[in-house]
Protein backbone atom coordinates (compact mmCIF):
# COMPACT_ATOMS: atom_id res chain seq x y z
CA ILE A 1 17.44 22.32 -69.04
CA PHE A 2 18.58 21.27 -65.57
CA ALA A 3 17.56 23.69 -62.82
CA PHE A 4 19.13 23.12 -59.40
CA THR A 5 16.61 24.48 -56.92
CA ALA A 6 16.07 24.30 -53.18
CA SER A 7 12.79 26.23 -53.14
CA GLY A 8 11.49 25.56 -56.67
CA THR A 9 11.77 29.21 -57.68
CA THR A 10 14.40 28.60 -60.37
CA ALA A 11 12.31 25.93 -62.07
CA VAL A 12 9.14 28.03 -61.92
CA ALA A 13 10.94 31.02 -63.45
CA ALA A 14 12.35 28.86 -66.26
CA SER A 15 8.92 27.31 -66.85
CA ARG A 16 7.36 30.73 -67.43
CA GLU A 17 9.38 31.00 -70.64
CA ARG A 18 7.69 27.81 -71.93
CA PRO A 19 10.91 26.16 -73.17
CA ARG A 20 10.59 23.65 -76.00
CA THR A 21 13.14 21.38 -74.36
CA PRO A 22 12.60 19.23 -71.27
CA LEU A 23 12.99 21.09 -67.97
CA TYR A 24 14.27 19.05 -65.03
CA ALA A 25 14.13 20.52 -61.53
CA LEU A 26 16.82 18.96 -59.34
CA THR A 27 15.89 19.42 -55.70
CA PRO A 28 16.84 17.66 -52.47
CA HIS A 29 13.42 18.34 -50.91
CA LYS A 30 10.51 15.93 -51.41
CA SER A 31 7.95 18.64 -50.64
CA VAL A 32 9.39 20.92 -53.34
CA ALA A 33 9.47 18.04 -55.83
CA ARG A 34 5.79 17.33 -55.12
CA GLN A 35 4.86 20.98 -55.65
CA LEU A 36 6.80 21.16 -58.91
CA THR A 37 4.76 18.32 -60.41
CA MET A 38 2.03 20.93 -60.91
CA VAL A 39 4.24 23.43 -62.77
CA TRP A 40 4.03 23.55 -66.57
CA GLY A 41 6.73 21.49 -68.28
CA VAL A 42 8.72 20.70 -65.14
CA THR A 43 9.91 17.18 -64.29
CA PRO A 44 11.16 17.16 -60.69
CA ILE A 45 14.05 14.87 -59.74
CA LEU A 46 15.24 14.32 -56.17
CA SER A 47 18.95 15.07 -55.85
CA PRO A 48 21.40 14.60 -53.00
CA ASN A 49 21.26 17.48 -50.54
CA ILE A 50 24.19 19.71 -51.43
CA ASN A 51 24.54 20.91 -47.85
CA GLU A 52 24.47 17.45 -46.25
CA THR A 53 26.56 15.24 -48.52
CA ALA A 54 30.22 14.96 -49.33
CA GLU A 55 29.22 14.16 -52.92
CA PHE A 56 28.98 17.89 -53.68
CA ARG A 57 32.05 19.83 -52.63
CA SER A 58 31.70 22.47 -55.34
CA SER A 59 29.47 23.62 -58.18
CA ASP A 60 31.62 21.50 -60.51
CA ASP A 61 30.68 18.37 -58.52
CA MET A 62 27.02 19.35 -58.78
CA LEU A 63 27.26 19.82 -62.55
CA ALA A 64 29.16 16.53 -62.96
CA TRP A 65 26.37 14.75 -61.06
CA ALA A 66 23.77 16.25 -63.41
CA GLU A 67 25.83 15.20 -66.45
CA ARG A 68 25.91 11.59 -65.19
CA LEU A 69 22.17 11.75 -64.57
CA ALA A 70 21.54 13.01 -68.10
CA GLN A 71 23.57 10.25 -69.71
CA ASN A 72 22.89 7.29 -67.40
CA THR A 73 19.24 7.84 -66.48
CA LEU A 74 17.72 10.21 -69.03
CA ASN A 75 19.47 8.69 -72.08
CA TYR A 76 21.18 11.81 -73.34
CA ARG A 77 24.13 11.04 -75.63
CA ALA A 78 27.70 12.27 -75.67
CA GLY A 79 27.98 15.48 -77.68
CA GLU A 80 24.48 16.72 -76.82
CA HIS A 81 24.15 20.12 -75.17
CA VAL A 82 22.33 20.76 -71.91
CA VAL A 83 21.71 23.98 -69.99
CA MET A 84 22.42 24.06 -66.26
CA LEU A 85 20.88 26.70 -63.98
CA ALA A 86 22.18 27.08 -60.43
CA GLY A 87 23.00 29.58 -57.76
CA THR A 88 25.62 30.25 -55.17
CA PRO A 89 25.54 30.08 -52.28
CA PHE A 90 23.89 26.67 -52.53
CA GLY A 91 20.48 26.17 -50.98
CA VAL A 92 19.59 29.86 -50.72
CA ALA A 93 16.29 30.75 -52.38
CA GLY A 94 16.55 33.45 -55.02
CA SER A 95 20.29 33.06 -55.55
CA THR A 96 20.24 31.73 -59.13
CA ASN A 97 23.13 33.46 -60.81
CA THR A 98 24.70 30.83 -63.08
CA LEU A 99 23.69 29.57 -66.50
CA LYS A 100 26.08 27.09 -68.06
CA ILE A 101 25.82 25.36 -71.43
CA VAL A 102 27.47 21.96 -71.18
CA THR A 103 28.43 19.56 -73.96
CA LEU A 104 28.09 16.06 -72.56
CA ALA A 105 31.34 14.12 -72.62
CA GLY A 106 31.69 10.62 -74.02
């Protein structure tokens, strides 16, 4: 499970369900990442700031970045399924409104 979160709220909410799969909190804020180290089952990962980088022009860019992270850094394989949690508008606490199941491409 990949939870894009500016405040940490999305990752905390997902953690309350005690998922059996790894839960990665992707946040651009070091302070949020530090706080999330204390939340059950959450592995925080610093991401580019979606409001300050040209790397993310849309939610599709954000999801593509997470797919590359899963395959290149976290050793997920093509064909595996991952869950992406995010919200729009980006960077607004409490705006999580998207759950997407993604099959990683080869």
